[in-house]
């Protein structure tokens, strides 16, 4: 099956990383890292041929990466701009 091939996951991760560059938002980057890590684990033979296990590892790594990037690059305290005047009031 195609999902068992390590290079498919690596290529998918690279495509997601390129899409993240084109449409930044730190959403696709977590999926890209998850796909590359999953591909690496398949390449080294750590993951078996079970689709549920592969998808679970991809989802967990993607979620943990997204949470880490959100913590690192997320909105900082005091970074929110509060508008007191409306441009249309004058």
PDB file of N, CA and C in Angstrom:
ATOM      1  N   UNK A   1       0.838  -1.176   0.000  1.00  0.00           N
ATOM      2  CA  UNK A   1       0.000   0.000   0.000  1.00  0.00           C
ATOM      3  C   UNK A   1       0.888   1.245   0.000  1.00  0.00           C
ATOM      4  N   UNK A   2       0.357   2.301  -0.538  1.00  0.00           N
ATOM      5  CA  UNK A   2       1.120   3.535  -0.684  1.00  0.00           C
ATOM      6  C   UNK A   2       1.401   4.208   0.650  1.00  0.00           C
ATOM      7  N   UNK A   3       0.494   4.081   1.611  1.00  0.00           N
ATOM      8  CA  UNK A   3       0.705   4.721   2.913  1.00  0.00           C
ATOM      9  C   UNK A   3       1.792   4.042   3.728  1.00  0.00           C
ATOM     10  N   UNK A   4       2.236   2.864   3.295  1.00  0.00           N
ATOM     11  CA  UNK A   4       3.317   2.149   3.985  1.00  0.00           C
ATOM     12  C   UNK A   4       4.698   2.596   3.521  1.00  0.00           C
ATOM     13  N   UNK A   5       4.762   3.344   2.440  1.00  0.00           N
ATOM     14  CA  UNK A   5       6.043   3.787   1.896  1.00  0.00           C
ATOM     15  C   UNK A   5       6.534   5.021   2.637  1.00  0.00           C
ATOM     16  N   UNK A   6       7.760   4.978   3.109  1.00  0.00           N
ATOM     17  CA  UNK A   6       8.306   6.082   3.898  1.00  0.00           C
ATOM     18  C   UNK A   6       8.456   7.344   3.073  1.00  0.00           C
ATOM     19  N   UNK A   7       8.816   7.216   1.803  1.00  0.00           N
ATOM     20  CA  UNK A   7       9.066   8.390   0.984  1.00  0.00           C
ATOM     21  C   UNK A   7       7.786   9.164   0.688  1.00  0.00           C
ATOM     22  N   UNK A   8       6.635   8.482   0.711  1.00  0.00           N
ATOM     23  CA  UNK A   8       5.366   9.175   0.490  1.00  0.00           C
ATOM     24  C   UNK A   8       5.097  10.149   1.637  1.00  0.00           C
ATOM     25  N   UNK A   9       5.387   9.726   2.845  1.00  0.00           N
ATOM     26  CA  UNK A   9       5.193  10.591   4.013  1.00  0.00           C
ATOM     27  C   UNK A   9       6.165  11.763   3.986  1.00  0.00           C
ATOM     28  N   UNK A  10       7.412  11.530   3.583  1.00  0.00           N
ATOM     29  CA  UNK A  10       8.406  12.599   3.519  1.00  0.00           C
ATOM     30  C   UNK A  10       8.007  13.629   2.457  1.00  0.00           C
ATOM     31  N   UNK A  11       7.624  13.158   1.291  1.00  0.00           N
ATOM     32  CA  UNK A  11       7.196  14.068   0.225  1.00  0.00           C
ATOM     33  C   UNK A  11       5.950  14.842   0.651  1.00  0.00           C
ATOM     34  N   UNK A  12       5.015  14.168   1.311  1.00  0.00           N
ATOM     35  CA  UNK A  12       3.831  14.849   1.816  1.00  0.00           C
ATOM     36  C   UNK A  12       4.185  15.922   2.829  1.00  0.00           C
ATOM     37  N   UNK A  13       5.155  15.637   3.693  1.00  0.00           N
ATOM     38  CA  UNK A  13       5.604  16.629   4.659  1.00  0.00           C
ATOM     39  C   UNK A  13       6.248  17.832   3.991  1.00  0.00           C
ATOM     40  N   UNK A  14       7.032  17.597   2.959  1.00  0.00           N
ATOM     41  CA  UNK A  14       7.660  18.700   2.229  1.00  0.00           C
ATOM     42  C   UNK A  14       6.610  19.544   1.518  1.00  0.00           C
ATOM     43  N   UNK A  15       5.626  18.894   0.921  1.00  0.00           N
ATOM     44  CA  UNK A  15       4.534  19.634   0.265  1.00  0.00           C
ATOM     45  C   UNK A  15       3.779  20.481   1.281  1.00  0.00           C
ATOM     46  N   UNK A  16       3.495  19.942   2.445  1.00  0.00           N
ATOM     47  CA  UNK A  16       2.814  20.713   3.478  1.00  0.00           C
ATOM     48  C   UNK A  16       3.666  21.872   3.979  1.00  0.00           C
ATOM     49  N   UNK A  17       4.977  21.679   4.072  1.00  0.00           N
ATOM     50  CA  UNK A  17       5.865  22.766   4.486  1.00  0.00           C
ATOM     51  C   UNK A  17       5.885  23.881   3.450  1.00  0.00           C
ATOM     52  N   UNK A  18       5.882  23.519   2.175  1.00  0.00           N
ATOM     53  CA  UNK A  18       5.831  24.534   1.114  1.00  0.00           C
ATOM     54  C   UNK A  18       4.505  25.278   1.160  1.00  0.00           C
ATOM     55  N   UNK A  19       3.414  24.559   1.380  1.00  0.00           N
ATOM     56  CA  UNK A  19       2.113  25.224   1.504  1.00  0.00           C
ATOM     57  C   UNK A  19       2.073  26.148   2.715  1.00  0.00           C
ATOM     58  N   UNK A  20       2.773  25.792   3.768  1.00  0.00           N
ATOM     59  CA  UNK A  20       2.843  26.655   4.950  1.00  0.00           C
ATOM     60  C   UNK A  20       3.570  27.958   4.632  1.00  0.00           C
ATOM     61  N   UNK A  21       4.590  27.867   3.803  1.00  0.00           N
ATOM     62  CA  UNK A  21       5.308  29.076   3.398  1.00  0.00           C
ATOM     63  C   UNK A  21       4.401  29.968   2.549  1.00  0.00           C
ATOM     64  N   UNK A  22       3.595  29.366   1.697  1.00  0.00           N
ATOM     65  CA  UNK A  22       2.702  30.139   0.835  1.00  0.00           C
ATOM     66  C   UNK A  22       1.513  30.722   1.588  1.00  0.00           C
ATOM     67  N   UNK A  23       1.045  30.034   2.603  1.00  0.00           N
ATOM     68  CA  UNK A  23      -0.099  30.498   3.406  1.00  0.00           C
ATOM     69  C   UNK A  23       0.241  30.331   4.877  1.00  0.00           C
ATOM     70  N   UNK A  24       1.052  31.254   5.433  1.00  0.00           N
ATOM     71  CA  UNK A  24       1.519  31.073   6.815  1.00  0.00           C
ATOM     72  C   UNK A  24       0.394  31.142   7.824  1.00  0.00           C
ATOM     73  N   UNK A  25       0.523  30.361   8.855  1.00  0.00           N
ATOM     74  CA  UNK A  25      -0.453  30.333   9.928  1.00  0.00           C
ATOM     75  C   UNK A  25      -0.092  29.329  10.995  1.00  0.00           C
ATOM     76  N   UNK A  26       1.025  28.664  10.828  1.00  0.00           N
ATOM     77  CA  UNK A  26       1.526  27.652  11.758  1.00  0.00           C
ATOM     78  C   UNK A  26       0.554  26.492  11.946  1.00  0.00           C
ATOM     79  N   UNK A  27      -0.300  26.242  10.972  1.00  0.00           N
ATOM     80  CA  UNK A  27      -1.204  25.101  11.048  1.00  0.00           C
ATOM     81  C   UNK A  27      -0.625  23.934  10.259  1.00  0.00           C
ATOM     82  N   UNK A  28      -0.254  24.178   9.032  1.00  0.00           N
ATOM     83  CA  UNK A  28       0.269  23.110   8.185  1.00  0.00           C
ATOM     84  C   UNK A  28       1.663  22.668   8.599  1.00  0.00           C
ATOM     85  N   UNK A  29       2.373  23.531   9.313  1.00  0.00           N
ATOM     86  CA  UNK A  29       3.731  23.181   9.732  1.00  0.00           C
ATOM     87  C   UNK A  29       3.726  22.015  10.709  1.00  0.00           C
ATOM     88  N   UNK A  30       2.743  21.953  11.584  1.00  0.00           N
ATOM     89  CA  UNK A  30       2.626  20.820  12.497  1.00  0.00           C
ATOM     90  C   UNK A  30       2.364  19.528  11.751  1.00  0.00           C
ATOM     91  N   UNK A  31       1.505  19.593  10.742  1.00  0.00           N
ATOM     92  CA  UNK A  31       1.241  18.413   9.925  1.00  0.00           C
ATOM     93  C   UNK A  31       2.475  18.014   9.122  1.00  0.00           C
ATOM     94  N   UNK A  32       3.229  19.006   8.660  1.00  0.00           N
ATOM     95  CA  UNK A  32       4.448  18.709   7.899  1.00  0.00           C
ATOM     96  C   UNK A  32       5.460  17.973   8.764  1.00  0.00           C
ATOM     97  N   UNK A  33       5.668  18.451   9.975  1.00  0.00           N
ATOM     98  CA  UNK A  33       6.604  17.780  10.881  1.00  0.00           C
ATOM     99  C   UNK A  33       6.093  16.385  11.218  1.00  0.00           C
ATOM    100  N   UNK A  34       4.792  16.252  11.449  1.00  0.00           N
ATOM    101  CA  UNK A  34       4.214  14.941  11.729  1.00  0.00           C
ATOM    102  C   UNK A  34       4.415  13.959  10.593  1.00  0.00           C
ATOM    103  N   UNK A  35       4.260  14.439   9.360  1.00  0.00           N
ATOM    104  CA  UNK A  35       4.444  13.562   8.201  1.00  0.00           C
ATOM    105  C   UNK A  35       5.910  13.159   8.043  1.00  0.00           C
ATOM    106  N   UNK A  36       6.828  14.099   8.248  1.00  0.00           N
ATOM    107  CA  UNK A  36       8.251  13.778   8.108  1.00  0.00           C
ATOM    108  C   UNK A  36       8.695  12.813   9.203  1.00  0.00           C
ATOM    109  N   UNK A  37       8.232  13.020  10.429  1.00  0.00           N
ATOM    110  CA  UNK A  37       8.594  12.104  11.522  1.00  0.00           C
ATOM    111  C   UNK A  37       8.008  10.713  11.259  1.00  0.00           C
ATOM    112  N   UNK A  38       6.772  10.663  10.792  1.00  0.00           N
ATOM    113  CA  UNK A  38       6.147   9.375  10.471  1.00  0.00           C
ATOM    114  C   UNK A  38       6.922   8.673   9.365  1.00  0.00           C
ATOM    115  N   UNK A  39       7.320   9.421   8.342  1.00  0.00           N
ATOM    116  CA  UNK A  39       8.128   8.842   7.272  1.00  0.00           C
ATOM    117  C   UNK A  39       9.458   8.329   7.776  1.00  0.00           C
ATOM    118  N   UNK A  40      10.081   9.077   8.684  1.00  0.00           N
ATOM    119  CA  UNK A  40      11.344   8.630   9.263  1.00  0.00           C
ATOM    120  C   UNK A  40      11.192   7.363  10.081  1.00  0.00           C
ATOM    121  N   UNK A  41      10.118   7.293  10.850  1.00  0.00           N
ATOM    122  CA  UNK A  41       9.881   6.089  11.645  1.00  0.00           C
ATOM    123  C   UNK A  41       9.591   4.879  10.762  1.00  0.00           C
ATOM    124  N   UNK A  42       8.894   5.102   9.656  1.00  0.00           N
ATOM    125  CA  UNK A  42       8.661   4.001   8.711  1.00  0.00           C
ATOM    126  C   UNK A  42       9.969   3.581   8.047  1.00  0.00           C
ATOM    127  N   UNK A  43      10.824   4.545   7.739  1.00  0.00           N
ATOM    128  CA  UNK A  43      12.090   4.257   7.083  1.00  0.00           C
ATOM    129  C   UNK A  43      12.990   3.405   7.984  1.00  0.00           C
ATOM    130  N   UNK A  44      13.034   3.732   9.276  1.00  0.00           N
ATOM    131  CA  UNK A  44      13.866   2.982  10.205  1.00  0.00           C
ATOM    132  C   UNK A  44      13.203   1.694  10.681  1.00  0.00           C
ATOM    133  N   UNK A  45      11.973   1.443  10.273  1.00  0.00           N
ATOM    134  CA  UNK A  45      11.298   0.205  10.628  1.00  0.00           C
ATOM    135  C   UNK A  45      10.696   0.192  12.017  1.00  0.00           C
ATOM    136  N   UNK A  46      10.554   1.365  12.635  1.00  0.00           N
ATOM    137  CA  UNK A  46       9.974   1.426  13.978  1.00  0.00           C
ATOM    138  C   UNK A  46       8.476   1.152  13.920  1.00  0.00           C
ATOM    139  N   UNK A  47       7.822   1.693  12.913  1.00  0.00           N
ATOM    140  CA  UNK A  47       6.384   1.472  12.747  1.00  0.00           C
ATOM    141  C   UNK A  47       6.150   0.261  11.862  1.00  0.00           C
ATOM    142  N   UNK A  48       5.113  -0.474  12.187  1.00  0.00           N
ATOM    143  CA  UNK A  48       4.765  -1.640  11.378  1.00  0.00           C
ATOM    144  C   UNK A  48       3.891  -1.243  10.202  1.00  0.00           C
ATOM    145  N   UNK A  49       3.232  -2.210   9.649  1.00  0.00           N
ATOM    146  CA  UNK A  49       2.403  -1.980   8.471  1.00  0.00           C
ATOM    147  C   UNK A  49       0.949  -1.713   8.829  1.00  0.00           C
ATOM    148  N   UNK A  50       0.671  -1.411  10.072  1.00  0.00           N
ATOM    149  CA  UNK A  50      -0.700  -1.199  10.517  1.00  0.00           C
ATOM    150  C   UNK A  50      -1.124   0.244  10.258  1.00  0.00           C
ATOM    151  N   UNK A  51      -2.144   0.431   9.449  1.00  0.00           N
ATOM    152  CA  UNK A  51      -2.624   1.769   9.118  1.00  0.00           C
ATOM    153  C   UNK A  51      -3.078   2.542  10.350  1.00  0.00           C
ATOM    154  N   UNK A  52      -3.854   1.952  11.265  1.00  0.00           N
ATOM    155  CA  UNK A  52      -4.265   2.717  12.444  1.00  0.00           C
ATOM    156  C   UNK A  52      -3.089   3.220  13.289  1.00  0.00           C
ATOM    157  N   UNK A  53      -2.045   2.415  13.408  1.00  0.00           N
ATOM    158  CA  UNK A  53      -0.882   2.826  14.196  1.00  0.00           C
ATOM    159  C   UNK A  53      -0.151   3.973  13.504  1.00  0.00           C
ATOM    160  N   UNK A  54       0.012   3.885  12.200  1.00  0.00           N
ATOM    161  CA  UNK A  54       0.697   4.930  11.439  1.00  0.00           C
ATOM    162  C   UNK A  54      -0.080   6.242  11.528  1.00  0.00           C
ATOM    163  N   UNK A  55      -1.380   6.179  11.371  1.00  0.00           N
ATOM    164  CA  UNK A  55      -2.211   7.386  11.443  1.00  0.00           C
ATOM    165  C   UNK A  55      -2.207   7.961  12.859  1.00  0.00           C
ATOM    166  N   UNK A  56      -2.233   7.093  13.853  1.00  0.00           N
ATOM    167  CA  UNK A  56      -2.185   7.564  15.242  1.00  0.00           C
ATOM    168  C   UNK A  56      -0.871   8.269  15.545  1.00  0.00           C
ATOM    169  N   UNK A  57       0.240   7.709  15.107  1.00  0.00           N
ATOM    170  CA  UNK A  57       1.543   8.351  15.319  1.00  0.00           C
ATOM    171  C   UNK A  57       1.594   9.692  14.598  1.00  0.00           C
ATOM    172  N   UNK A  58       1.108   9.730  13.359  1.00  0.00           N
ATOM    173  CA  UNK A  58       1.068  10.984  12.602  1.00  0.00           C
ATOM    174  C   UNK A  58       0.229  12.033  13.323  1.00  0.00           C
ATOM    175  N   UNK A  59      -0.933  11.644  13.812  1.00  0.00           N
ATOM    176  CA  UNK A  59      -1.811  12.587  14.500  1.00  0.00           C
ATOM    177  C   UNK A  59      -1.193  13.077  15.806  1.00  0.00           C
ATOM    178  N   UNK A  60      -0.612  12.194  16.581  1.00  0.00           N
ATOM    179  CA  UNK A  60      -0.014  12.594  17.859  1.00  0.00           C
ATOM    180  C   UNK A  60       1.190  13.506  17.668  1.00  0.00           C
ATOM    181  N   UNK A  61       2.058  13.150  16.739  1.00  0.00           N
ATOM    182  CA  UNK A  61       3.233  13.993  16.490  1.00  0.00           C
ATOM    183  C   UNK A  61       2.804  15.346  15.941  1.00  0.00           C
ATOM    184  N   UNK A  62       1.814  15.365  15.058  1.00  0.00           N
ATOM    185  CA  UNK A  62       1.314  16.628  14.512  1.00  0.00           C
ATOM    186  C   UNK A  62       0.709  17.503  15.606  1.00  0.00           C
ATOM    187  N   UNK A  63      -0.073  16.899  16.483  1.00  0.00           N
ATOM    188  CA  UNK A  63      -0.688  17.655  17.572  1.00  0.00           C
ATOM    189  C   UNK A  63       0.356  18.211  18.526  1.00  0.00           C
ATOM    190  N   UNK A  64       1.316  17.385  18.924  1.00  0.00           N
ATOM    191  CA  UNK A  64       2.361  17.849  19.842  1.00  0.00           C
ATOM    192  C   UNK A  64       3.212  18.946  19.209  1.00  0.00           C
ATOM    193  N   UNK A  65       3.504  18.802  17.929  1.00  0.00           N
ATOM    194  CA  UNK A  65       4.268  19.842  17.233  1.00  0.00           C
ATOM    195  C   UNK A  65       3.474  21.131  17.144  1.00  0.00           C
ATOM    196  N   UNK A  66       2.206  21.030  16.813  1.00  0.00           N
ATOM    197  CA  UNK A  66       1.368  22.224  16.723  1.00  0.00           C
ATOM    198  C   UNK A  66       1.274  22.929  18.076  1.00  0.00           C
ATOM    199  N   UNK A  67       1.094  22.164  19.144  1.00  0.00           N
ATOM    200  CA  UNK A  67       1.032  22.763  20.478  1.00  0.00           C
ATOM    201  C   UNK A  67       2.356  23.420  20.853  1.00  0.00           C
ATOM    202  N   UNK A  68       3.463  22.788  20.505  1.00  0.00           N
ATOM    203  CA  UNK A  68       4.773  23.378  20.792  1.00  0.00           C
ATOM    204  C   UNK A  68       4.985  24.660  20.004  1.00  0.00           C
ATOM    205  N   UNK A  69       4.634  24.652  18.727  1.00  0.00           N
ATOM    206  CA  UNK A  69       4.775  25.870  17.918  1.00  0.00           C
ATOM    207  C   UNK A  69       3.834  26.963  18.394  1.00  0.00           C
ATOM    208  N   UNK A  70       2.667  26.576  18.846  1.00  0.00           N
ATOM    209  CA  UNK A  70       1.711  27.565  19.375  1.00  0.00           C
ATOM    210  C   UNK A  70       2.272  28.210  20.639  1.00  0.00           C
ATOM    211  N   UNK A  71       2.928  27.407  21.459  1.00  0.00           N
ATOM    212  CA  UNK A  71       3.536  27.925  22.688  1.00  0.00           C
ATOM    213  C   UNK A  71       4.722  28.837  22.358  1.00  0.00           C
ATOM    214  N   UNK A  72       5.530  28.439  21.388  1.00  0.00           N
ATOM    215  CA  UNK A  72       6.724  29.199  21.039  1.00  0.00           C
ATOM    216  C   UNK A  72       6.383  30.458  20.244  1.00  0.00           C
ATOM    217  N   UNK A  73       5.573  30.314  19.195  1.00  0.00           N
ATOM    218  CA  UNK A  73       5.311  31.422  18.285  1.00  0.00           C
ATOM    219  C   UNK A  73       3.954  32.070  18.480  1.00  0.00           C
ATOM    220  N   UNK A  74       3.189  31.623  19.472  1.00  0.00           N
ATOM    221  CA  UNK A  74       1.829  32.113  19.670  1.00  0.00           C
ATOM    222  C   UNK A  74       1.777  33.559  20.122  1.00  0.00           C
ATOM    223  N   UNK A  75       0.589  34.023  20.349  1.00  0.00           N
ATOM    224  CA  UNK A  75       0.346  35.383  20.760  1.00  0.00           C
ATOM    225  C   UNK A  75       0.924  35.613  22.148  1.00  0.00           C
ATOM    226  N   UNK A  76       1.757  36.610  22.261  1.00  0.00           N
ATOM    227  CA  UNK A  76       2.367  36.946  23.540  1.00  0.00           C
ATOM    228  C   UNK A  76       1.456  37.886  24.330  1.00  0.00           C
ATOM    229  N   UNK A  77       1.617  37.887  25.622  1.00  0.00           N
ATOM    230  CA  UNK A  77       0.829  38.770  26.467  1.00  0.00           C
ATOM    231  C   UNK A  77       1.213  40.216  26.174  1.00  0.00           C
ATOM    232  N   UNK A  78       0.212  41.060  26.015  1.00  0.00           N
ATOM    233  CA  UNK A  78       0.452  42.456  25.699  1.00  0.00           C
ATOM    234  C   UNK A  78       0.668  42.717  24.226  1.00  0.00           C
ATOM    235  N   UNK A  79       0.523  41.699  23.406  1.00  0.00           N
ATOM    236  CA  UNK A  79       0.746  41.851  21.980  1.00  0.00           C
ATOM    237  C   UNK A  79      -0.536  42.237  21.246  1.00  0.00           C
ATOM    238  N   UNK A  80      -1.652  42.198  21.923  1.00  0.00           N
ATOM    239  CA  UNK A  80      -2.924  42.494  21.289  1.00  0.00           C
ATOM    240  C   UNK A  80      -3.097  44.010  21.209  1.00  0.00           C
ATOM    241  N   UNK A  81      -3.450  44.515  20.029  1.00  0.00           N
ATOM    242  CA  UNK A  81      -3.685  45.943  19.829  1.00  0.00           C
ATOM    243  C   UNK A  81      -5.143  46.245  20.157  1.00  0.00           C
ATOM    244  N   UNK A  82      -5.357  47.151  21.110  1.00  0.00           N
ATOM    245  CA  UNK A  82      -6.707  47.554  21.502  1.00  0.00           C
ATOM    246  C   UNK A  82      -6.974  48.932  20.910  1.00  0.00           C
ATOM    247  N   UNK A  83      -8.050  49.035  20.157  1.00  0.00           N
ATOM    248  CA  UNK A  83      -8.412  50.292  19.519  1.00  0.00           C
ATOM    249  C   UNK A  83      -9.428  51.021  20.397  1.00  0.00           C
ATOM    250  N   UNK A  84      -9.121  52.272  20.736  1.00  0.00           N
ATOM    251  CA  UNK A  84     -10.033  53.077  21.536  1.00  0.00           C
ATOM    252  C   UNK A  84     -10.859  54.020  20.668  1.00  0.00           C
ATOM    253  N   UNK A  85     -10.359  54.374  19.514  1.00  0.00           N
ATOM    254  CA  UNK A  85     -11.065  55.287  18.607  1.00  0.00           C
ATOM    255  C   UNK A  85     -11.386  54.542  17.318  1.00  0.00           C
ATOM    256  N   UNK A  86     -12.560  54.840  16.805  1.00  0.00           N
ATOM    257  CA  UNK A  86     -12.973  54.259  15.543  1.00  0.00           C
ATOM    258  C   UNK A  86     -12.687  55.257  14.442  1.00  0.00           C
ATOM    259  N   UNK A  87     -12.127  54.807  13.349  1.00  0.00           N
ATOM    260  CA  UNK A  87     -11.789  55.691  12.253  1.00  0.00           C
ATOM    261  C   UNK A  87     -13.023  56.318  11.633  1.00  0.00           C
ATOM    262  N   UNK A  88     -14.173  55.709  11.775  1.00  0.00           N
ATOM    263  CA  UNK A  88     -15.399  56.213  11.177  1.00  0.00           C
ATOM    264  C   UNK A  88     -16.134  57.204  12.055  1.00  0.00           C
ATOM    265  N   UNK A  89     -15.662  57.457  13.269  1.00  0.00           N
ATOM    266  CA  UNK A  89     -16.339  58.376  14.166  1.00  0.00           C
ATOM    267  C   UNK A  89     -16.021  59.828  13.871  1.00  0.00           C
ATOM    268  N   UNK A  90     -14.968  60.119  13.152  1.00  0.00           N
ATOM    269  CA  UNK A  90     -14.570  61.501  12.914  1.00  0.00           C
ATOM    270  C   UNK A  90     -15.094  62.017  11.628  1.00  0.00           C
TER     271      UNK A  90
END
